[in-house]
Amino acid sequence: MNINELLRKAATCKLPVTSSSGKGKNSFTIVNNRNGKRLTISSSLAHALDVQNEVFLHLNPDDQEILLAKEDLANENAVRLKLRGDQKKTAYDSRVVQGISDLFGLDYSNCSSKSFSKIQMDHCNEVPVAIVDMTSGSAMKDNVQQTEGGVS
């Protein structure tokens, strides 16, 4: 499937978006726990996308993908990212995190975040686009260790 077809599919899916951590070289992380909800793009992915203050999420639940780009390529809603740390881009928006979690069926009952590192890079009208495979998430647990007798 080509990038234009993916964007056409993604254009039909919207979430209420206002504004927007990473494991691996290129990664997209969704944190959904009692301490907060946020989306983070790794520094290397932010650099590859050439994002500064905002990124556009194009949601494609039919193919279990999220497309990220520095421009609105399909009349979607922008998620504004704030610089966190040196390079990572992070957005704090509980409605977006919950909407993505529900839309893609992400289960956080046994973890606090999921990091997605199966990402293909493509271009649309010379704009770099990251295609995040939402089936490739690896769960990261809270800093609580389970022991035979309970929680330590």
N, C-alpha and C. Protein backbone atom coordinates (compact mmCIF):
# COMPACT_ATOMS: atom_id res chain seq x y z
N MET A 1 0.85 -1.17 0.00
CA MET A 1 0.00 0.00 0.00
C MET A 1 0.90 1.24 0.00
N ASN A 2 0.60 2.24 -0.81
CA ASN A 2 1.45 3.42 -0.88
C ASN A 2 1.05 4.46 0.17
N ILE A 3 1.89 5.45 0.35
CA ILE A 3 1.69 6.46 1.39
C ILE A 3 0.40 7.26 1.18
N ASN A 4 0.04 7.57 -0.06
CA ASN A 4 -1.19 8.32 -0.31
C ASN A 4 -2.42 7.52 0.09
N GLU A 5 -2.42 6.21 -0.15
CA GLU A 5 -3.53 5.35 0.26
C GLU A 5 -3.62 5.29 1.78
N LEU A 6 -2.48 5.19 2.46
CA LEU A 6 -2.48 5.20 3.92
C LEU A 6 -3.04 6.50 4.46
N LEU A 7 -2.64 7.62 3.87
CA LEU A 7 -3.14 8.92 4.32
C LEU A 7 -4.63 9.05 4.05
N ARG A 8 -5.10 8.52 2.93
CA ARG A 8 -6.53 8.59 2.63
C ARG A 8 -7.32 7.84 3.70
N LYS A 9 -6.85 6.66 4.08
CA LYS A 9 -7.51 5.90 5.13
C LYS A 9 -7.44 6.63 6.47
N ALA A 10 -6.30 7.20 6.76
CA ALA A 10 -6.11 7.89 8.04
C ALA A 10 -6.96 9.13 8.15
N ALA A 11 -7.28 9.78 7.04
CA ALA A 11 -8.03 11.03 7.06
C ALA A 11 -9.45 10.86 7.60
N THR A 12 -9.95 9.63 7.65
CA THR A 12 -11.31 9.41 8.12
C THR A 12 -11.41 9.24 9.63
N CYS A 13 -10.30 9.20 10.32
CA CYS A 13 -10.29 8.95 11.76
C CYS A 13 -9.79 10.18 12.49
N LYS A 14 -10.61 10.70 13.44
CA LYS A 14 -10.22 11.91 14.18
C LYS A 14 -10.36 11.70 15.68
N LEU A 15 -9.51 12.39 16.43
CA LEU A 15 -9.58 12.42 17.88
C LEU A 15 -9.57 13.88 18.32
N PRO A 16 -10.10 14.19 19.50
CA PRO A 16 -9.95 15.55 20.00
C PRO A 16 -8.50 15.76 20.41
N VAL A 17 -7.78 16.61 19.72
CA VAL A 17 -6.35 16.78 19.94
C VAL A 17 -6.05 18.22 20.33
N THR A 18 -5.20 18.39 21.32
CA THR A 18 -4.74 19.72 21.66
C THR A 18 -3.23 19.77 21.55
N SER A 19 -2.51 19.19 22.46
CA SER A 19 -1.06 19.20 22.41
C SER A 19 -0.46 17.78 22.46
N SER A 20 1.06 17.44 22.37
CA SER A 20 1.66 16.14 22.64
C SER A 20 2.89 16.17 23.55
N SER A 21 8.21 9.47 25.03
CA SER A 21 9.34 8.88 25.60
C SER A 21 9.79 7.78 24.70
N GLY A 22 10.89 7.43 24.78
CA GLY A 22 11.19 6.50 23.74
C GLY A 22 12.25 5.51 24.08
N LYS A 23 12.12 4.32 23.59
CA LYS A 23 13.07 3.24 23.76
C LYS A 23 13.52 2.83 22.37
N GLY A 24 14.81 2.65 22.17
CA GLY A 24 15.30 2.27 20.85
C GLY A 24 15.67 3.50 20.05
N LYS A 25 16.22 3.27 18.89
CA LYS A 25 16.69 4.38 18.08
C LYS A 25 15.53 5.26 17.62
N ASN A 26 14.63 4.72 16.80
CA ASN A 26 13.42 5.42 16.41
C ASN A 26 12.28 4.79 17.18
N SER A 27 11.62 5.59 18.02
CA SER A 27 10.52 5.02 18.78
C SER A 27 9.45 6.05 19.07
N PHE A 28 8.27 5.53 19.29
CA PHE A 28 7.09 6.30 19.65
C PHE A 28 6.53 5.61 20.88
N THR A 29 6.40 6.34 21.98
CA THR A 29 5.99 5.74 23.24
C THR A 29 4.71 6.40 23.74
N ILE A 30 3.82 5.56 24.26
CA ILE A 30 2.59 6.04 24.87
C ILE A 30 2.62 5.62 26.33
N VAL A 31 2.59 6.61 27.22
CA VAL A 31 2.55 6.36 28.66
C VAL A 31 1.11 6.58 29.11
N ASN A 32 0.57 5.58 29.81
CA ASN A 32 -0.81 5.66 30.27
C ASN A 32 -0.86 5.00 31.64
N ASN A 33 -0.60 5.80 32.68
CA ASN A 33 -0.60 5.25 34.03
C ASN A 33 -1.18 6.25 35.02
N ARG A 34 -1.18 5.90 36.29
CA ARG A 34 -1.80 6.74 37.32
C ARG A 34 -1.07 8.08 37.49
N ASN A 35 0.19 8.15 37.06
CA ASN A 35 0.96 9.37 37.22
C ASN A 35 0.84 10.32 36.04
N GLY A 36 0.23 9.88 34.96
CA GLY A 36 0.07 10.77 33.81
C GLY A 36 -0.06 10.02 32.50
N LYS A 37 -0.43 10.79 31.51
CA LYS A 37 -0.60 10.25 30.16
C LYS A 37 0.15 11.16 29.21
N ARG A 38 0.99 10.55 28.37
CA ARG A 38 1.77 11.35 27.43
C ARG A 38 2.21 10.51 26.25
N LEU A 39 2.56 11.21 25.17
CA LEU A 39 3.12 10.62 23.96
C LEU A 39 4.53 11.17 23.82
N THR A 40 5.47 10.31 23.45
CA THR A 40 6.84 10.79 23.26
C THR A 40 7.42 10.21 21.98
N ILE A 41 8.12 11.08 21.27
CA ILE A 41 8.85 10.69 20.07
C ILE A 41 10.33 10.76 20.41
N SER A 42 11.06 9.69 20.14
CA SER A 42 12.49 9.67 20.45
C SER A 42 13.22 10.78 19.71
N SER A 43 14.38 11.14 20.21
CA SER A 43 15.15 12.23 19.59
C SER A 43 15.54 11.88 18.15
N SER A 44 15.89 10.62 17.90
CA SER A 44 16.29 10.26 16.54
C SER A 44 15.10 10.31 15.58
N LEU A 45 13.92 9.91 16.04
CA LEU A 45 12.74 9.99 15.18
C LEU A 45 12.32 11.44 14.97
N ALA A 46 12.39 12.26 16.02
CA ALA A 46 12.08 13.68 15.87
C ALA A 46 13.01 14.33 14.86
N HIS A 47 14.27 13.94 14.89
CA HIS A 47 15.24 14.47 13.94
C HIS A 47 14.93 14.00 12.52
N ALA A 48 14.61 12.72 12.36
CA ALA A 48 14.28 12.17 11.04
C ALA A 48 13.05 12.85 10.44
N LEU A 49 12.09 13.20 11.31
CA LEU A 49 10.87 13.87 10.85
C LEU A 49 11.05 15.37 10.73
N ASP A 50 12.14 15.88 11.28
CA ASP A 50 12.41 17.32 11.31
C ASP A 50 11.31 18.09 12.03
N VAL A 51 10.82 17.52 13.15
CA VAL A 51 9.80 18.19 13.94
C VAL A 51 10.45 19.11 14.97
N GLN A 52 9.85 20.25 15.16
CA GLN A 52 10.33 21.20 16.13
C GLN A 52 9.32 21.36 17.26
N ASN A 53 8.21 22.08 17.00
CA ASN A 53 7.23 22.37 18.03
C ASN A 53 5.94 21.58 17.91
N GLU A 54 5.70 20.95 16.77
CA GLU A 54 4.48 20.19 16.61
C GLU A 54 4.68 19.05 15.62
N VAL A 55 3.82 18.06 15.75
CA VAL A 55 3.80 16.93 14.83
C VAL A 55 2.34 16.63 14.54
N PHE A 56 2.07 16.10 13.39
CA PHE A 56 0.71 15.72 13.03
C PHE A 56 0.60 14.21 13.09
N LEU A 57 -0.41 13.73 13.82
CA LEU A 57 -0.70 12.30 13.89
C LEU A 57 -1.83 12.01 12.92
N HIS A 58 -1.64 11.01 12.08
CA HIS A 58 -2.67 10.53 11.17
C HIS A 58 -2.99 9.11 11.60
N LEU A 59 -4.20 8.89 12.10
CA LEU A 59 -4.57 7.62 12.68
C LEU A 59 -5.20 6.69 11.65
N ASN A 60 -4.71 5.46 11.61
CA ASN A 60 -5.18 4.47 10.64
C ASN A 60 -5.45 3.15 11.37
N PRO A 61 -6.57 3.09 12.13
CA PRO A 61 -6.84 1.88 12.90
C PRO A 61 -7.11 0.64 12.05
N ASP A 62 -7.61 0.82 10.82
CA ASP A 62 -7.86 -0.35 9.95
C ASP A 62 -6.59 -1.14 9.69
N ASP A 63 -5.47 -0.45 9.52
CA ASP A 63 -4.19 -1.11 9.28
C ASP A 63 -3.30 -1.11 10.52
N GLN A 64 -3.85 -0.70 11.67
CA GLN A 64 -3.11 -0.65 12.93
C GLN A 64 -1.83 0.17 12.81
N GLU A 65 -1.98 1.40 12.27
CA GLU A 65 -0.83 2.29 12.08
C GLU A 65 -1.16 3.71 12.49
N ILE A 66 -0.13 4.40 12.94
CA ILE A 66 -0.19 5.84 13.13
C ILE A 66 0.90 6.44 12.26
N LEU A 67 0.53 7.42 11.46
CA LEU A 67 1.50 8.13 10.63
C LEU A 67 1.83 9.44 11.30
N LEU A 68 3.13 9.75 11.38
CA LEU A 68 3.61 10.99 11.99
C LEU A 68 4.31 11.83 10.92
N ALA A 69 4.02 13.12 10.90
CA ALA A 69 4.67 14.02 9.95
C ALA A 69 4.72 15.42 10.54
N LYS A 70 5.63 16.24 10.02
CA LYS A 70 5.74 17.61 10.54
C LYS A 70 4.70 18.53 9.93
N GLU A 71 3.97 18.05 8.92
CA GLU A 71 2.93 18.84 8.29
C GLU A 71 1.63 18.06 8.28
N ASP A 72 0.52 18.78 8.17
CA ASP A 72 -0.79 18.17 8.07
C ASP A 72 -0.97 17.69 6.64
N LEU A 73 -0.83 16.41 6.41
CA LEU A 73 -0.87 15.85 5.07
C LEU A 73 -2.26 15.37 4.65
N ALA A 74 -3.20 15.33 5.59
CA ALA A 74 -4.54 14.81 5.27
C ALA A 74 -5.64 15.53 6.04
N ASN A 75 -5.42 16.82 6.31
CA ASN A 75 -6.42 17.63 7.04
C ASN A 75 -6.80 17.01 8.37
N GLU A 76 -5.81 16.56 9.11
CA GLU A 76 -6.02 15.99 10.44
C GLU A 76 -5.76 17.05 11.50
N ASN A 77 -5.77 16.63 12.74
CA ASN A 77 -5.50 17.51 13.87
C ASN A 77 -4.04 17.41 14.27
N ALA A 78 -3.48 18.53 14.64
CA ALA A 78 -2.08 18.56 15.07
C ALA A 78 -1.97 18.25 16.55
N VAL A 79 -0.90 17.55 16.91
CA VAL A 79 -0.56 17.36 18.31
C VAL A 79 0.71 18.17 18.54
N ARG A 80 0.62 19.21 19.36
CA ARG A 80 1.76 20.08 19.61
C ARG A 80 2.71 19.43 20.59
N LEU A 81 3.96 19.32 20.20
CA LEU A 81 4.97 18.71 21.05
C LEU A 81 5.82 19.76 21.72
N LYS A 82 6.13 19.53 22.97
CA LYS A 82 7.05 20.41 23.70
C LYS A 82 8.36 19.67 23.87
N LEU A 83 9.46 20.41 23.78
CA LEU A 83 10.78 19.81 23.95
C LEU A 83 10.94 19.33 25.39
N ARG A 84 11.32 18.08 25.54
CA ARG A 84 11.54 17.48 26.86
C ARG A 84 12.96 16.95 26.88
N GLY A 85 13.70 17.32 27.88
CA GLY A 85 15.09 16.90 27.93
C GLY A 85 15.86 17.59 26.82
N ASP A 86 16.86 16.91 26.30
CA ASP A 86 17.65 17.51 25.23
C ASP A 86 16.96 17.45 23.89
N GLN A 87 16.43 16.31 23.53
CA GLN A 87 15.93 16.12 22.17
C GLN A 87 14.53 15.53 22.07
N LYS A 88 14.12 14.69 23.03
CA LYS A 88 12.83 14.01 22.91
C LYS A 88 11.70 15.02 22.84
N LYS A 89 10.66 14.68 22.08
CA LYS A 89 9.48 15.52 21.96
C LYS A 89 8.34 14.82 22.70
N THR A 90 7.70 15.53 23.60
CA THR A 90 6.66 14.94 24.43
C THR A 90 5.41 15.81 24.40
N ALA A 91 4.25 15.16 24.35
CA ALA A 91 2.96 15.84 24.42
C ALA A 91 2.19 15.27 25.59
N TYR A 92 1.62 16.14 26.38
CA TYR A 92 0.80 15.74 27.51
C TYR A 92 -0.65 16.02 27.14
N ASP A 93 -1.41 14.98 26.88
CA ASP A 93 -2.82 15.15 26.55
C ASP A 93 -3.54 13.85 26.86
N SER A 94 -4.22 13.82 28.00
CA SER A 94 -4.86 12.58 28.44
C SER A 94 -5.96 12.12 27.48
N ARG A 95 -6.66 13.07 26.86
CA ARG A 95 -7.73 12.68 25.92
C ARG A 95 -7.16 11.97 24.70
N VAL A 96 -6.05 12.46 24.20
CA VAL A 96 -5.43 11.83 23.03
C VAL A 96 -4.90 10.46 23.39
N VAL A 97 -4.19 10.35 24.51
CA VAL A 97 -3.66 9.06 24.94
C VAL A 97 -4.79 8.05 25.13
N GLN A 98 -5.85 8.47 25.81
CA GLN A 98 -6.97 7.55 26.03
C GLN A 98 -7.65 7.20 24.71
N GLY A 99 -7.80 8.18 23.82
CA GLY A 99 -8.42 7.93 22.52
C GLY A 99 -7.62 6.95 21.68
N ILE A 100 -6.29 7.12 21.64
CA ILE A 100 -5.43 6.19 20.90
C ILE A 100 -5.46 4.81 21.54
N SER A 101 -5.42 4.77 22.87
CA SER A 101 -5.46 3.49 23.59
C SER A 101 -6.74 2.73 23.26
N ASP A 102 -7.87 3.44 23.26
CA ASP A 102 -9.15 2.81 22.95
C ASP A 102 -9.23 2.40 21.48
N LEU A 103 -8.82 3.30 20.60
CA LEU A 103 -8.93 3.07 19.16
C LEU A 103 -8.10 1.87 18.71
N PHE A 104 -6.90 1.72 19.30
CA PHE A 104 -6.01 0.64 18.90
C PHE A 104 -6.04 -0.55 19.87
N GLY A 105 -6.93 -0.50 20.86
CA GLY A 105 -7.08 -1.61 21.80
C GLY A 105 -5.84 -1.87 22.63
N LEU A 106 -5.16 -0.81 23.07
CA LEU A 106 -3.94 -0.97 23.87
C LEU A 106 -4.32 -1.24 25.32
N ASP A 107 -3.77 -2.29 25.90
CA ASP A 107 -4.08 -2.71 27.26
C ASP A 107 -2.93 -2.32 28.19
N TYR A 108 -3.22 -1.49 29.17
CA TYR A 108 -2.21 -1.04 30.13
C TYR A 108 -2.44 -1.65 31.51
N SER A 109 -3.19 -2.73 31.60
CA SER A 109 -3.50 -3.30 32.91
C SER A 109 -2.27 -3.87 33.61
N ASN A 110 -1.25 -4.31 32.85
CA ASN A 110 -0.04 -4.89 33.46
C ASN A 110 1.22 -4.09 33.16
N CYS A 111 1.06 -2.88 32.66
CA CYS A 111 2.23 -2.06 32.36
C CYS A 111 1.84 -0.58 32.42
N SER A 112 2.83 0.27 32.38
CA SER A 112 2.58 1.71 32.45
C SER A 112 2.78 2.41 31.12
N SER A 113 3.49 1.76 30.19
CA SER A 113 3.72 2.39 28.90
C SER A 113 4.02 1.33 27.84
N LYS A 114 3.87 1.74 26.60
CA LYS A 114 4.20 0.87 25.47
C LYS A 114 5.04 1.67 24.50
N SER A 115 6.13 1.05 24.07
CA SER A 115 7.04 1.68 23.13
C SER A 115 6.96 0.95 21.80
N PHE A 116 6.81 1.70 20.73
CA PHE A 116 6.68 1.15 19.39
C PHE A 116 7.93 1.52 18.59
N SER A 117 8.68 0.50 18.17
CA SER A 117 9.91 0.78 17.44
C SER A 117 9.93 0.18 16.04
N LYS A 118 8.85 -0.48 15.65
CA LYS A 118 8.75 -0.95 14.27
C LYS A 118 8.15 0.21 13.46
N ILE A 119 9.06 1.00 12.89
CA ILE A 119 8.68 2.24 12.22
C ILE A 119 9.32 2.27 10.84
N GLN A 120 8.50 2.47 9.83
CA GLN A 120 8.99 2.63 8.46
C GLN A 120 9.01 4.12 8.14
N MET A 121 10.03 4.55 7.45
CA MET A 121 10.10 5.94 7.01
C MET A 121 9.74 6.01 5.53
N ASP A 122 8.97 7.03 5.16
CA ASP A 122 8.57 7.25 3.77
C ASP A 122 8.51 8.76 3.57
N HIS A 123 8.09 9.19 2.39
CA HIS A 123 7.94 10.61 2.10
C HIS A 123 6.62 10.84 1.37
N CYS A 124 6.01 11.98 1.62
CA CYS A 124 4.82 12.40 0.90
C CYS A 124 5.03 13.86 0.54
N ASN A 125 5.07 14.17 -0.74
CA ASN A 125 5.35 15.54 -1.19
C ASN A 125 6.63 16.08 -0.56
N GLU A 126 7.65 15.25 -0.50
CA GLU A 126 8.97 15.59 0.05
C GLU A 126 8.98 15.81 1.56
N VAL A 127 7.89 15.47 2.24
CA VAL A 127 7.82 15.58 3.69
C VAL A 127 8.05 14.18 4.27
N PRO A 128 9.03 14.04 5.20
CA PRO A 128 9.24 12.73 5.80
C PRO A 128 8.03 12.29 6.64
N VAL A 129 7.68 11.02 6.52
CA VAL A 129 6.55 10.45 7.24
C VAL A 129 7.02 9.17 7.93
N ALA A 130 6.70 9.04 9.21
CA ALA A 130 6.97 7.81 9.95
C ALA A 130 5.68 7.02 10.04
N ILE A 131 5.75 5.74 9.70
CA ILE A 131 4.59 4.86 9.77
C ILE A 131 4.84 3.91 10.94
N VAL A 132 4.11 4.12 12.04
CA VAL A 132 4.30 3.36 13.27
C VAL A 132 3.36 2.16 13.28
N ASP A 133 3.94 0.96 13.38
CA ASP A 133 3.16 -0.27 13.47
C ASP A 133 2.68 -0.41 14.91
N MET A 134 1.37 -0.23 15.12
CA MET A 134 0.82 -0.24 16.48
C MET A 134 0.66 -1.67 17.03
N THR A 135 0.99 -2.68 16.25
CA THR A 135 0.95 -4.05 16.76
C THR A 135 2.30 -4.46 17.33
N SER A 136 3.30 -3.59 17.22
CA SER A 136 4.67 -3.95 17.61
C SER A 136 5.08 -3.43 18.98
N GLY A 137 4.14 -2.96 19.78
CA GLY A 137 4.49 -2.34 21.06
C GLY A 137 5.06 -3.29 22.07
N SER A 138 6.07 -2.82 22.77
CA SER A 138 6.63 -3.58 23.88
C SER A 138 6.26 -2.87 25.17
N ALA A 139 5.76 -3.63 26.13
CA ALA A 139 5.28 -3.07 27.39
C ALA A 139 6.44 -2.80 28.33
N MET A 140 6.32 -1.70 29.06
CA MET A 140 7.28 -1.37 30.10
C MET A 140 6.53 -1.23 31.40
N LYS A 141 6.97 -1.97 32.41
CA LYS A 141 6.27 -1.98 33.69
C LYS A 141 6.71 -0.82 34.57
N ASP A 142 5.84 -0.50 35.55
CA ASP A 142 6.20 0.48 36.57
C ASP A 142 7.42 -0.02 37.33
N ASN A 143 8.04 0.85 38.10
CA ASN A 143 9.22 0.46 38.90
C ASN A 143 8.81 -0.24 40.18
N VAL A 144 7.98 -1.27 40.05
CA VAL A 144 7.54 -2.08 41.17
C VAL A 144 7.86 -3.53 40.83
N GLN A 145 8.58 -4.19 41.69
CA GLN A 145 8.96 -5.59 41.42
C GLN A 145 8.03 -6.52 42.16
N GLN A 146 7.57 -7.56 41.47
CA GLN A 146 6.73 -8.57 42.07
C GLN A 146 7.63 -9.65 42.69
N THR A 147 7.28 -10.06 43.89
CA THR A 147 7.97 -11.18 44.54
C THR A 147 6.94 -12.23 44.88
N GLU A 148 7.38 -13.39 45.34
CA GLU A 148 6.43 -14.43 45.69
C GLU A 148 5.48 -13.98 46.78
N GLY A 149 5.95 -13.19 47.70
CA GLY A 149 5.12 -12.74 48.82
C GLY A 149 4.31 -11.49 48.51
N GLY A 150 4.47 -10.93 47.35
CA GLY A 150 3.73 -9.71 47.01
C GLY A 150 4.62 -8.70 46.32
N VAL A 151 4.31 -7.44 46.53
CA VAL A 151 5.04 -6.36 45.88
C VAL A 151 6.18 -5.91 46.78
N SER A 152 7.36 -5.68 46.21
CA SER A 152 8.49 -5.21 47.02
C SER A 152 8.81 -3.77 46.66
